Structures are given as C-alpha cells and as structure tokens.
Amino acid sequence: MSQNSVYHRPDNTLLALLLALAGMAAFTPIFAAGKLSGGLLPVAVLVWLRFIGGAATIVSVAAVKRVPVFTRVSPLWKLHLMRAFCGVGGLACSIYAASVLPLADATAIGLTKGIIAIVLAGLILKEVITGRHWVAGVLCAAGAYLVVRSAESAAGYDELALAGVMSALMGAVFMACEALIMRYIAQREDTVTILAYVNVFAAVLLSGPVLWLIVKEGVSWSDLLIFAWMGPLAIVGQTMNISAYRRAGAATLAPVYYGTVVMSAVFGFAVWGEIPTRVAVFGAVLIVAGGAILTLPNPFRKFRQAS
C-alpha cells in the first residue's frame, strides 16, 4: 500500500466544508490577536507564541500517541520547512494587517488568497479547475466585498493604512502557497507528523530573534501568558484544515475560505460592537451561495450524461 493510499481520504466536499469552517472559527481570534492585545505585545512575539505553544502541544500529543516524529526524518522535510516559512509569513502579515485596519477589511483583503490558490492549484498541482470553481470564487469574492464595504468601521479607521493593505496582500500570497503545500503533504503523511514539523520548524526559526526582542523591549512574562491559548487553539484549527484538504482539492476549498469574512464580522460584533448592514447580510448570502455551488450536486450532470 502506497503512502498516498494510507493518508488519502475519499473526496467528500460537504465534510471538507464543515471541517474548513471549524478551522476558520479556531483561527479567527488568532488573526485578531494583534488588535486584542491592544499593542501590548509586538506582532513577532504573538507569532512566536502561536508557534511555540503549537509545538509544545503537538509534541505532547505525539508522545501520547507514540508517533515517531523525531526518530526518523520525514522525506518531505523540505516541504515542511517551506510551509513553516509560509505559515510564519502569512500569520505575521495577517496579524499586523488586522492590528492597523478594521478586522473585516483586513480579512477581506486577505481573501484574495482564494483566487491565488485556484490559479496555483491549476498551474502547479494540475488540479482540474471547472466553471463551478470560478463561479463560486466570483460569488464569494463579491459577497466578501459587500460585507467589508458595508461594515461599520471602528473609530480611528476612516482611512486604510497603505502598510496594512500591502501586509494583507502579502499574507494572502503566503497562505495561498501554504494551502498548496498542505494539499500535497496531507495525503502523504499523518496529521501529527505534519503539525509537529511545521510548528517545531517555525518555533526554532523564531525563538532566537523573538527572545532577544522580548528582553530588549522588556516584555513581561505575565503578558505572554495571557496569549498562551494561541498555540493549542492553532493546533485544533490546523487539524481541521488538514482533514479538509484530505477530502477536497485546494481549488475546491479556496472559495469556501471566503467564509472567514463572516467569522470576522461575527467576532467583530461580539468584541467591538461592529454591526453589519443589510448589504453585509446580502454579501454573506452570496458567500454561502458560493459554498453551496461547490457542495450541492450538479443538476446538469445527469442531463449531460443521459444525452
């Protein structure tokens, strides 16, 4: 039995959608950590807390499950290292963008990763990009745009900061590349190994510079503990995402992740009192419609087959 057959799961778009939604819910407060901290911690420290906490969590899981993560070297370690770079870059850019822009705006700008992932999936992974993918992408993008444009921005965010917009766009590129790498390795290695490599690699890359920054800036260790939840929560979200990518292609899941703007709108309302307008609700309906196009059976398929 090949490696691919061991970890590959039959395509199940509906289940992949539900797993992706659960993963998005887990990562929403993580991307908002910069704004939640109110400037208490630098972005680099928040990113480090997420990965060092994730590494500690997944290594503990590996020990309990007796997964030989460190007794053998993964043949895909170079891809894991590349994903770690993409993960660190994507998270850092996203947290920074959300700290200087309204959360919904930063999230929507980052949603350009969907279109980027669709194009890269066709060019690199040779996945079949159908008309349904493009229609779903257009609907979700239009819905995300409406949600953002109609959202009531918090005071002080009347003008979008150029640095925040560019950071959100760079984060989209990083996350699109990470999605393609995840799709490839998710069908070839177990979840614990995948998570252990990316979190440990990222933690090792960041620990030296960030510990120096903590000492230099005089960051309190008690302040660090306030955001210790980021690592374990990220492991939960990553586990859901990997499971989703085992059941659907990157091109299929990319438009679905436009639902993050809805998550951000809900989170923004709960934490900062942002109230979406009727236009925002219509945008959310478009996003759901885009996901439905991917999950519901194609009514014209049987007709074409019969003819």
C-alpha atoms as a PDB file:
ATOM      1  CA  MET A   1       0.000   0.000   0.000  1.00  0.00           C
ATOM      2  CA  SER A   2       1.454   3.332  -1.005  1.00  0.00           C
ATOM      3  CA  GLN A   3       1.872   6.332   1.243  1.00  0.00           C
ATOM      4  CA  ASN A   4      -0.741   8.168  -0.745  1.00  0.00           C
ATOM      5  CA  SER A   5      -3.344   5.424  -0.193  1.00  0.00           C
ATOM      6  CA  VAL A   6      -2.741   5.336   3.568  1.00  0.00           C
ATOM      7  CA  TYR A   7      -3.479   9.002   4.208  1.00  0.00           C
ATOM      8  CA  HIS A   8      -5.729   9.833   1.282  1.00  0.00           C
ATOM      9  CA  ARG A   9      -9.442  10.065   2.013  1.00  0.00           C
ATOM     10  CA  PRO A  10     -12.280   9.739  -0.494  1.00  0.00           C
ATOM     11  CA  ASP A  11     -13.430  13.108  -1.799  1.00  0.00           C
ATOM     12  CA  ASN A  12     -16.211  14.439   0.411  1.00  0.00           C
ATOM     13  CA  THR A  13     -16.801  18.106  -0.310  1.00  0.00           C
ATOM     14  CA  LEU A  14     -19.539  18.595   2.287  1.00  0.00           C
ATOM     15  CA  LEU A  15     -17.448  17.151   5.123  1.00  0.00           C
ATOM     16  CA  ALA A  16     -14.423  19.111   3.909  1.00  0.00           C
ATOM     17  CA  LEU A  17     -16.547  22.264   4.038  1.00  0.00           C
ATOM     18  CA  LEU A  18     -17.603  21.624   7.640  1.00  0.00           C
ATOM     19  CA  LEU A  19     -14.013  20.900   8.684  1.00  0.00           C
ATOM     20  CA  ALA A  20     -12.824  24.055   6.936  1.00  0.00           C
ATOM     21  CA  LEU A  21     -15.464  26.127   8.735  1.00  0.00           C
ATOM     22  CA  ALA A  22     -14.356  24.690  12.090  1.00  0.00           C
ATOM     23  CA  GLY A  23     -10.756  25.512  11.259  1.00  0.00           C
ATOM     24  CA  MET A  24     -11.718  29.068  10.313  1.00  0.00           C
ATOM     25  CA  ALA A  25     -13.555  29.540  13.601  1.00  0.00           C
ATOM     26  CA  ALA A  26     -10.444  28.481  15.506  1.00  0.00           C
ATOM     27  CA  PHE A  27      -8.155  30.881  13.650  1.00  0.00           C
ATOM     28  CA  THR A  28     -10.406  33.967  13.789  1.00  0.00           C
ATOM     29  CA  PRO A  29      -9.272  35.106  17.284  1.00  0.00           C
ATOM     30  CA  ILE A  30      -5.670  34.218  16.393  1.00  0.00           C
ATOM     31  CA  PHE A  31      -5.665  36.585  13.408  1.00  0.00           C
ATOM     32  CA  ALA A  32      -7.259  39.231  15.646  1.00  0.00           C
ATOM     33  CA  ALA A  33      -4.611  38.787  18.353  1.00  0.00           C
ATOM     34  CA  GLY A  34      -2.834  41.999  17.394  1.00  0.00           C
ATOM     35  CA  LYS A  35      -5.965  44.046  17.947  1.00  0.00           C
ATOM     36  CA  LEU A  36      -6.910  42.040  21.045  1.00  0.00           C
ATOM     37  CA  SER A  37      -3.519  42.779  22.602  1.00  0.00           C
ATOM     38  CA  GLY A  38      -4.004  46.500  22.049  1.00  0.00           C
ATOM     39  CA  GLY A  39      -0.290  46.947  21.322  1.00  0.00           C
ATOM     40  CA  LEU A  40       0.679  45.078  24.480  1.00  0.00           C
ATOM     41  CA  LEU A  41       2.827  42.626  22.526  1.00  0.00           C
ATOM     42  CA  PRO A  42       4.722  43.086  19.229  1.00  0.00           C
ATOM     43  CA  VAL A  43       3.462  41.120  16.228  1.00  0.00           C
ATOM     44  CA  ALA A  44       6.619  38.979  16.145  1.00  0.00           C
ATOM     45  CA  VAL A  45       6.042  37.928  19.757  1.00  0.00           C
ATOM     46  CA  LEU A  46       2.427  36.976  19.050  1.00  0.00           C
ATOM     47  CA  VAL A  47       3.506  34.863  16.072  1.00  0.00           C
ATOM     48  CA  TRP A  48       6.166  33.176  18.221  1.00  0.00           C
ATOM     49  CA  LEU A  49       3.648  32.457  20.986  1.00  0.00           C
ATOM     50  CA  ARG A  50       1.368  30.811  18.466  1.00  0.00           C
ATOM     51  CA  PHE A  51       4.099  28.507  17.102  1.00  0.00           C
ATOM     52  CA  ILE A  52       5.959  27.766  20.345  1.00  0.00           C
ATOM     53  CA  GLY A  53       2.640  26.903  22.002  1.00  0.00           C
ATOM     54  CA  GLY A  54       1.651  24.848  18.978  1.00  0.00           C
ATOM     55  CA  ALA A  55       4.976  22.986  19.050  1.00  0.00           C
ATOM     56  CA  ALA A  56       4.627  22.173  22.755  1.00  0.00           C
ATOM     57  CA  THR A  57       1.055  20.988  22.228  1.00  0.00           C
ATOM     58  CA  ILE A  58       1.678  18.750  19.223  1.00  0.00           C
ATOM     59  CA  VAL A  59       4.889  17.259  20.638  1.00  0.00           C
ATOM     60  CA  SER A  60       2.905  16.281  23.731  1.00  0.00           C
ATOM     61  CA  VAL A  61       0.259  14.694  21.507  1.00  0.00           C
ATOM     62  CA  ALA A  62       2.969  12.836  19.582  1.00  0.00           C
ATOM     63  CA  ALA A  63       4.394  11.471  22.833  1.00  0.00           C
ATOM     64  CA  VAL A  64       0.976  10.259  23.993  1.00  0.00           C
ATOM     65  CA  LYS A  65       0.166   8.674  20.630  1.00  0.00           C
ATOM     66  CA  ARG A  66       3.734   7.347  20.290  1.00  0.00           C
ATOM     67  CA  VAL A  67       4.188   8.836  16.860  1.00  0.00           C
ATOM     68  CA  PRO A  68       7.912   8.555  15.911  1.00  0.00           C
ATOM     69  CA  VAL A  69       8.195  12.182  14.877  1.00  0.00           C
ATOM     70  CA  PHE A  70      11.838  12.680  15.832  1.00  0.00           C
ATOM     71  CA  THR A  71      13.193   9.142  15.481  1.00  0.00           C
ATOM     72  CA  ARG A  72      13.008   9.325  11.688  1.00  0.00           C
ATOM     73  CA  VAL A  73      13.384  12.184   9.231  1.00  0.00           C
ATOM     74  CA  SER A  74      10.406  12.886   7.027  1.00  0.00           C
ATOM     75  CA  PRO A  75      11.204  12.536   3.320  1.00  0.00           C
ATOM     76  CA  LEU A  76       9.125  15.693   2.848  1.00  0.00           C
ATOM     77  CA  TRP A  77      11.059  17.785   5.382  1.00  0.00           C
ATOM     78  CA  LYS A  78      11.931  20.410   2.762  1.00  0.00           C
ATOM     79  CA  LEU A  79       8.249  20.944   2.049  1.00  0.00           C
ATOM     80  CA  HIS A  80       7.568  21.174   5.789  1.00  0.00           C
ATOM     81  CA  LEU A  81      10.277  23.838   6.044  1.00  0.00           C
ATOM     82  CA  MET A  82       8.781  25.756   3.132  1.00  0.00           C
ATOM     83  CA  ARG A  83       5.360  25.558   4.757  1.00  0.00           C
ATOM     84  CA  ALA A  84       6.819  26.835   8.025  1.00  0.00           C
ATOM     85  CA  PHE A  85       8.199  29.891   6.213  1.00  0.00           C
ATOM     86  CA  CYS A  86       4.826  30.455   4.534  1.00  0.00           C
ATOM     87  CA  GLY A  87       2.965  29.941   7.806  1.00  0.00           C
ATOM     88  CA  VAL A  88       5.124  32.430   9.698  1.00  0.00           C
ATOM     89  CA  GLY A  89       4.914  34.986   6.891  1.00  0.00           C
ATOM     90  CA  GLY A  90       1.177  34.590   6.432  1.00  0.00           C
ATOM     91  CA  LEU A  91       0.370  34.835  10.134  1.00  0.00           C
ATOM     92  CA  ALA A  92       2.669  37.792  10.742  1.00  0.00           C
ATOM     93  CA  CYS A  93       1.223  39.725   7.803  1.00  0.00           C
ATOM     94  CA  SER A  94      -2.365  38.884   8.799  1.00  0.00           C
ATOM     95  CA  ILE A  95      -1.928  39.859  12.456  1.00  0.00           C
ATOM     96  CA  TYR A  96      -0.246  43.116  11.526  1.00  0.00           C
ATOM     97  CA  ALA A  97      -2.898  43.980   8.937  1.00  0.00           C
ATOM     98  CA  ALA A  98      -5.704  43.276  11.412  1.00  0.00           C
ATOM     99  CA  SER A  99      -3.998  45.464  14.024  1.00  0.00           C
ATOM    100  CA  VAL A 100      -3.863  48.574  11.796  1.00  0.00           C
ATOM    101  CA  LEU A 101      -7.045  48.014   9.767  1.00  0.00           C
ATOM    102  CA  PRO A 102     -10.626  47.141  10.709  1.00  0.00           C
ATOM    103  CA  LEU A 103     -10.749  43.367  11.220  1.00  0.00           C
ATOM    104  CA  ALA A 104     -13.321  42.807   8.461  1.00  0.00           C
ATOM    105  CA  ASP A 105     -11.321  44.895   5.968  1.00  0.00           C
ATOM    106  CA  ALA A 106      -8.058  43.092   6.721  1.00  0.00           C
ATOM    107  CA  THR A 107      -9.803  39.732   6.438  1.00  0.00           C
ATOM    108  CA  ALA A 108     -11.429  40.576   3.111  1.00  0.00           C
ATOM    109  CA  ILE A 109      -8.179  41.810   1.573  1.00  0.00           C
ATOM    110  CA  GLY A 110      -6.574  38.560   2.666  1.00  0.00           C
ATOM    111  CA  LEU A 111      -9.316  36.641   0.879  1.00  0.00           C
ATOM    112  CA  THR A 112      -7.546  37.270  -2.401  1.00  0.00           C
ATOM    113  CA  LYS A 113      -5.651  34.107  -1.399  1.00  0.00           C
ATOM    114  CA  GLY A 114      -8.651  32.170  -2.787  1.00  0.00           C
ATOM    115  CA  ILE A 115      -8.145  33.360  -6.349  1.00  0.00           C
ATOM    116  CA  ILE A 116      -4.376  32.959  -5.997  1.00  0.00           C
ATOM    117  CA  ALA A 117      -4.799  29.391  -4.727  1.00  0.00           C
ATOM    118  CA  ILE A 118      -7.172  28.482  -7.554  1.00  0.00           C
ATOM    119  CA  VAL A 119      -4.680  29.657 -10.182  1.00  0.00           C
ATOM    120  CA  LEU A 120      -1.701  27.989  -8.473  1.00  0.00           C
ATOM    121  CA  ALA A 121      -3.626  24.749  -7.969  1.00  0.00           C
ATOM    122  CA  GLY A 122      -4.220  24.527 -11.696  1.00  0.00           C
ATOM    123  CA  LEU A 123      -0.683  25.509 -12.681  1.00  0.00           C
ATOM    124  CA  ILE A 124       1.312  23.575 -10.069  1.00  0.00           C
ATOM    125  CA  LEU A 125      -0.858  20.716  -8.799  1.00  0.00           C
ATOM    126  CA  LYS A 126      -2.557  20.249 -12.178  1.00  0.00           C
ATOM    127  CA  GLU A 127      -5.951  20.139 -10.462  1.00  0.00           C
ATOM    128  CA  VAL A 128      -8.948  20.442 -12.732  1.00  0.00           C
ATOM    129  CA  ILE A 129     -10.451  23.928 -12.452  1.00  0.00           C
ATOM    130  CA  THR A 130     -14.066  23.826 -13.549  1.00  0.00           C
ATOM    131  CA  GLY A 131     -16.605  26.514 -14.202  1.00  0.00           C
ATOM    132  CA  ARG A 132     -18.137  25.796 -10.800  1.00  0.00           C
ATOM    133  CA  HIS A 133     -14.873  26.798  -9.103  1.00  0.00           C
ATOM    134  CA  TRP A 134     -14.779  30.123 -10.911  1.00  0.00           C
ATOM    135  CA  VAL A 135     -18.472  30.882 -10.349  1.00  0.00           C
ATOM    136  CA  ALA A 136     -18.109  30.055  -6.638  1.00  0.00           C
ATOM    137  CA  GLY A 137     -14.998  32.209  -6.446  1.00  0.00           C
ATOM    138  CA  VAL A 138     -16.725  35.185  -8.052  1.00  0.00           C
ATOM    139  CA  LEU A 139     -19.786  34.877  -5.798  1.00  0.00           C
ATOM    140  CA  CYS A 140     -17.685  34.560  -2.654  1.00  0.00           C
ATOM    141  CA  ALA A 141     -15.434  37.451  -3.656  1.00  0.00           C
ATOM    142  CA  ALA A 142     -18.438  39.673  -4.394  1.00  0.00           C
ATOM    143  CA  GLY A 143     -20.030  38.722  -1.087  1.00  0.00           C
ATOM    144  CA  ALA A 144     -16.833  39.424   0.826  1.00  0.00           C
ATOM    145  CA  TYR A 145     -16.551  42.817  -0.868  1.00  0.00           C
ATOM    146  CA  LEU A 146     -20.108  43.753   0.104  1.00  0.00           C
ATOM    147  CA  VAL A 147     -19.598  42.659   3.712  1.00  0.00           C
ATOM    148  CA  VAL A 148     -16.458  44.750   4.061  1.00  0.00           C
ATOM    149  CA  ARG A 149     -17.756  47.844   2.320  1.00  0.00           C
ATOM    150  CA  SER A 150     -20.887  47.907   4.445  1.00  0.00           C
ATOM    151  CA  ALA A 151     -19.242  47.158   7.776  1.00  0.00           C
ATOM    152  CA  GLU A 152     -19.246  49.924  10.327  1.00  0.00           C
ATOM    153  CA  SER A 153     -15.572  50.642  10.991  1.00  0.00           C
ATOM    154  CA  ALA A 154     -14.411  51.413  14.481  1.00  0.00           C
ATOM    155  CA  ALA A 155     -13.323  54.949  15.348  1.00  0.00           C
ATOM    156  CA  GLY A 156      -9.871  55.829  14.040  1.00  0.00           C
ATOM    157  CA  TYR A 157     -10.073  53.667  10.924  1.00  0.00           C
ATOM    158  CA  ASP A 158     -11.530  56.208   8.498  1.00  0.00           C
ATOM    159  CA  GLU A 159      -8.611  55.771   6.104  1.00  0.00           C
ATOM    160  CA  LEU A 160      -6.972  52.479   5.259  1.00  0.00           C
ATOM    161  CA  ALA A 161      -3.274  52.379   6.022  1.00  0.00           C
ATOM    162  CA  LEU A 162      -1.203  51.504   2.966  1.00  0.00           C
ATOM    163  CA  ALA A 163       1.093  49.343   5.061  1.00  0.00           C
ATOM    164  CA  GLY A 164      -1.857  47.336   6.338  1.00  0.00           C
ATOM    165  CA  VAL A 165      -3.250  46.770   2.845  1.00  0.00           C
ATOM    166  CA  MET A 166       0.121  45.632   1.492  1.00  0.00           C
ATOM    167  CA  SER A 167       0.613  43.389   4.509  1.00  0.00           C
ATOM    168  CA  ALA A 168      -2.781  41.759   3.974  1.00  0.00           C
ATOM    169  CA  LEU A 169      -1.971  41.132   0.315  1.00  0.00           C
ATOM    170  CA  MET A 170       1.399  39.596   1.167  1.00  0.00           C
ATOM    171  CA  GLY A 171      -0.324  37.427   3.758  1.00  0.00           C
ATOM    172  CA  ALA A 172      -2.701  36.220   1.043  1.00  0.00           C
ATOM    173  CA  VAL A 173       0.216  35.126  -1.138  1.00  0.00           C
ATOM    174  CA  PHE A 174       1.876  33.284   1.753  1.00  0.00           C
ATOM    175  CA  MET A 175      -1.341  31.495   2.715  1.00  0.00           C
ATOM    176  CA  ALA A 176      -2.139  30.512  -0.877  1.00  0.00           C
ATOM    177  CA  CYS A 177       1.278  28.872  -1.181  1.00  0.00           C
ATOM    178  CA  GLU A 178       0.813  27.184   2.194  1.00  0.00           C
ATOM    179  CA  ALA A 179      -2.555  25.794   1.057  1.00  0.00           C
ATOM    180  CA  LEU A 180      -0.964  24.099  -1.945  1.00  0.00           C
ATOM    181  CA  ILE A 181       1.825  22.583   0.156  1.00  0.00           C
ATOM    182  CA  MET A 182      -0.730  21.357   2.695  1.00  0.00           C
ATOM    183  CA  ARG A 183      -2.823  19.709  -0.012  1.00  0.00           C
ATOM    184  CA  TYR A 184       0.253  17.777  -1.226  1.00  0.00           C
ATOM    185  CA  ILE A 185       1.605  16.580   2.125  1.00  0.00           C
ATOM    186  CA  ALA A 186      -1.815  15.981   3.725  1.00  0.00           C
ATOM    187  CA  GLN A 187      -2.267  12.903   1.535  1.00  0.00           C
ATOM    188  CA  ARG A 188       1.226  11.553   2.239  1.00  0.00           C
ATOM    189  CA  GLU A 189       1.849  11.894   5.979  1.00  0.00           C
ATOM    190  CA  ASP A 190      -0.131  11.635   9.200  1.00  0.00           C
ATOM    191  CA  THR A 191      -1.585  14.702  10.907  1.00  0.00           C
ATOM    192  CA  VAL A 192       0.666  14.621  13.980  1.00  0.00           C
ATOM    193  CA  THR A 193       3.830  14.492  11.865  1.00  0.00           C
ATOM    194  CA  ILE A 194       2.651  17.331   9.636  1.00  0.00           C
ATOM    195  CA  LEU A 195       1.787  19.564  12.578  1.00  0.00           C
ATOM    196  CA  ALA A 196       4.917  18.688  14.535  1.00  0.00           C
ATOM    197  CA  TYR A 197       7.249  19.600  11.694  1.00  0.00           C
ATOM    198  CA  VAL A 198       5.662  22.927  10.798  1.00  0.00           C
ATOM    199  CA  ASN A 199       5.284  24.095  14.394  1.00  0.00           C
ATOM    200  CA  VAL A 200       8.734  22.989  15.555  1.00  0.00           C
ATOM    201  CA  PHE A 201      10.422  24.431  12.451  1.00  0.00           C
ATOM    202  CA  ALA A 202       8.633  27.752  12.894  1.00  0.00           C
ATOM    203  CA  ALA A 203       9.349  27.867  16.647  1.00  0.00           C
ATOM    204  CA  VAL A 204      13.063  27.193  16.070  1.00  0.00           C
ATOM    205  CA  LEU A 205      13.271  29.854  13.355  1.00  0.00           C
ATOM    206  CA  LEU A 206      11.612  32.472  15.577  1.00  0.00           C
ATOM    207  CA  SER A 207      12.856  31.707  19.096  1.00  0.00           C
ATOM    208  CA  GLY A 208      16.273  33.391  18.909  1.00  0.00           C
ATOM    209  CA  PRO A 209      15.179  36.743  17.425  1.00  0.00           C
ATOM    210  CA  VAL A 210      11.966  36.906  19.464  1.00  0.00           C
ATOM    211  CA  LEU A 211      13.619  36.115  22.809  1.00  0.00           C
ATOM    212  CA  TRP A 212      16.111  38.889  22.059  1.00  0.00           C
ATOM    213  CA  LEU A 213      13.178  41.207  21.260  1.00  0.00           C
ATOM    214  CA  ILE A 214      11.404  40.259  24.495  1.00  0.00           C
ATOM    215  CA  VAL A 215      14.478  41.153  26.557  1.00  0.00           C
ATOM    216  CA  LYS A 216      15.148  44.318  24.558  1.00  0.00           C
ATOM    217  CA  GLU A 217      11.561  45.582  24.820  1.00  0.00           C
ATOM    218  CA  GLY A 218      11.177  44.457  28.426  1.00  0.00           C
ATOM    219  CA  VAL A 219       8.066  42.421  27.683  1.00  0.00           C
ATOM    220  CA  SER A 220       6.516  40.970  30.832  1.00  0.00           C
ATOM    221  CA  TRP A 221       6.233  37.188  31.011  1.00  0.00           C
ATOM    222  CA  SER A 222       2.827  37.623  32.615  1.00  0.00           C
ATOM    223  CA  ASP A 223       1.721  39.415  29.441  1.00  0.00           C
ATOM    224  CA  LEU A 224       2.975  36.479  27.387  1.00  0.00           C
ATOM    225  CA  LEU A 225       0.878  34.047  29.411  1.00  0.00           C
ATOM    226  CA  ILE A 226      -2.278  35.979  28.527  1.00  0.00           C
ATOM    227  CA  PHE A 227      -1.910  34.786  24.925  1.00  0.00           C
ATOM    228  CA  ALA A 228      -0.724  31.259  25.667  1.00  0.00           C
ATOM    229  CA  TRP A 229      -4.028  29.960  24.259  1.00  0.00           C
ATOM    230  CA  MET A 230      -2.930  30.733  20.697  1.00  0.00           C
ATOM    231  CA  GLY A 231      -0.773  27.621  20.278  1.00  0.00           C
ATOM    232  CA  PRO A 232      -3.258  24.929  21.358  1.00  0.00           C
ATOM    233  CA  LEU A 233      -6.115  26.644  19.503  1.00  0.00           C
ATOM    234  CA  ALA A 234      -4.000  26.795  16.337  1.00  0.00           C
ATOM    235  CA  ILE A 235      -3.331  23.041  16.576  1.00  0.00           C
ATOM    236  CA  VAL A 236      -7.083  22.424  16.673  1.00  0.00           C
ATOM    237  CA  GLY A 237      -7.576  24.676  13.646  1.00  0.00           C
ATOM    238  CA  GLN A 238      -4.695  23.104  11.714  1.00  0.00           C
ATOM    239  CA  THR A 239      -6.003  19.603  12.405  1.00  0.00           C
ATOM    240  CA  MET A 240      -9.354  20.583  10.946  1.00  0.00           C
ATOM    241  CA  ASN A 241      -7.711  22.172   7.911  1.00  0.00           C
ATOM    242  CA  ILE A 242      -5.535  19.139   7.183  1.00  0.00           C
ATOM    243  CA  SER A 243      -8.555  16.875   7.422  1.00  0.00           C
ATOM    244  CA  ALA A 244     -10.383  19.157   4.994  1.00  0.00           C
ATOM    245  CA  TYR A 245      -7.532  19.079   2.472  1.00  0.00           C
ATOM    246  CA  ARG A 246      -7.505  15.288   2.616  1.00  0.00           C
ATOM    247  CA  ARG A 247     -11.080  15.276   1.359  1.00  0.00           C
ATOM    248  CA  ALA A 248     -11.102  18.094  -1.197  1.00  0.00           C
ATOM    249  CA  GLY A 249      -8.687  19.854  -3.505  1.00  0.00           C
ATOM    250  CA  ALA A 250      -7.139  23.245  -2.880  1.00  0.00           C
ATOM    251  CA  ALA A 251      -9.172  24.712  -5.742  1.00  0.00           C
ATOM    252  CA  THR A 252     -12.398  23.445  -4.150  1.00  0.00           C
ATOM    253  CA  LEU A 253     -11.617  24.712  -0.649  1.00  0.00           C
ATOM    254  CA  ALA A 254     -10.177  28.077  -1.676  1.00  0.00           C
ATOM    255  CA  PRO A 255     -13.552  29.815  -2.354  1.00  0.00           C
ATOM    256  CA  VAL A 256     -15.047  28.260   0.793  1.00  0.00           C
ATOM    257  CA  TYR A 257     -12.486  30.072   2.920  1.00  0.00           C
ATOM    258  CA  TYR A 258     -14.165  33.325   1.948  1.00  0.00           C
ATOM    259  CA  GLY A 259     -16.394  32.468   4.883  1.00  0.00           C
ATOM    260  CA  THR A 260     -13.668  33.919   7.125  1.00  0.00           C
ATOM    261  CA  VAL A 261     -15.110  37.362   6.469  1.00  0.00           C
ATOM    262  CA  VAL A 262     -18.393  36.219   8.018  1.00  0.00           C
ATOM    263  CA  MET A 263     -16.489  34.831  11.003  1.00  0.00           C
ATOM    264  CA  SER A 264     -14.685  38.153  11.331  1.00  0.00           C
ATOM    265  CA  ALA A 265     -17.968  40.076  11.158  1.00  0.00           C
ATOM    266  CA  VAL A 266     -19.436  37.942  13.957  1.00  0.00           C
ATOM    267  CA  PHE A 267     -16.268  38.266  16.021  1.00  0.00           C
ATOM    268  CA  GLY A 268     -16.126  41.998  15.409  1.00  0.00           C
ATOM    269  CA  PHE A 269     -19.719  42.381  16.584  1.00  0.00           C
ATOM    270  CA  ALA A 270     -19.127  40.305  19.731  1.00  0.00           C
ATOM    271  CA  VAL A 271     -15.904  42.069  20.742  1.00  0.00           C
ATOM    272  CA  TRP A 272     -16.065  45.579  19.284  1.00  0.00           C
ATOM    273  CA  GLY A 273     -19.782  46.000  18.588  1.00  0.00           C
ATOM    274  CA  GLU A 274     -19.498  46.223  14.796  1.00  0.00           C
ATOM    275  CA  ILE A 275     -22.993  45.903  13.290  1.00  0.00           C
ATOM    276  CA  PRO A 276     -23.365  44.664   9.698  1.00  0.00           C
ATOM    277  CA  THR A 277     -25.882  46.372   7.429  1.00  0.00           C
ATOM    278  CA  ARG A 278     -28.436  44.751   5.120  1.00  0.00           C
ATOM    279  CA  VAL A 279     -25.864  44.904   2.344  1.00  0.00           C
ATOM    280  CA  ALA A 280     -23.473  42.936   4.556  1.00  0.00           C
ATOM    281  CA  VAL A 281     -26.136  40.302   5.115  1.00  0.00           C
ATOM    282  CA  PHE A 282     -26.649  40.056   1.365  1.00  0.00           C
ATOM    283  CA  GLY A 283     -22.913  39.637   0.975  1.00  0.00           C
ATOM    284  CA  ALA A 284     -22.967  36.798   3.485  1.00  0.00           C
ATOM    285  CA  VAL A 285     -25.730  35.134   1.454  1.00  0.00           C
ATOM    286  CA  LEU A 286     -23.516  35.332  -1.646  1.00  0.00           C
ATOM    287  CA  ILE A 287     -20.683  33.691   0.269  1.00  0.00           C
ATOM    288  CA  VAL A 288     -22.958  30.860   1.363  1.00  0.00           C
ATOM    289  CA  ALA A 289     -24.207  30.530  -2.215  1.00  0.00           C
ATOM    290  CA  GLY A 290     -20.637  30.152  -3.412  1.00  0.00           C
ATOM    291  CA  GLY A 291     -20.067  27.321  -0.964  1.00  0.00           C
ATOM    292  CA  ALA A 292     -23.355  25.707  -1.970  1.00  0.00           C
ATOM    293  CA  ILE A 293     -22.304  25.625  -5.625  1.00  0.00           C
ATOM    294  CA  LEU A 294     -19.309  23.530  -4.615  1.00  0.00           C
ATOM    295  CA  THR A 295     -21.167  21.125  -2.318  1.00  0.00           C
ATOM    296  CA  LEU A 296     -24.567  20.551  -3.941  1.00  0.00           C
ATOM    297  CA  PRO A 297     -24.870  18.045  -6.787  1.00  0.00           C
ATOM    298  CA  ASN A 298     -24.660  19.499 -10.253  1.00  0.00           C
ATOM    299  CA  PRO A 299     -28.232  19.331 -11.627  1.00  0.00           C
ATOM    300  CA  PHE A 300     -26.957  19.395 -15.209  1.00  0.00           C
ATOM    301  CA  ARG A 301     -24.518  16.486 -14.861  1.00  0.00           C
ATOM    302  CA  LYS A 302     -27.151  13.736 -15.120  1.00  0.00           C
ATOM    303  CA  PHE A 303     -28.773  15.562 -18.015  1.00  0.00           C
ATOM    304  CA  ARG A 304     -25.497  15.689 -19.931  1.00  0.00           C
ATOM    305  CA  GLN A 305     -24.757  12.041 -19.158  1.00  0.00           C
ATOM    306  CA  ALA A 306     -28.205  10.976 -20.311  1.00  0.00           C
ATOM    307  CA  SER A 307     -27.855  12.862 -23.548  1.00  0.00           C
END
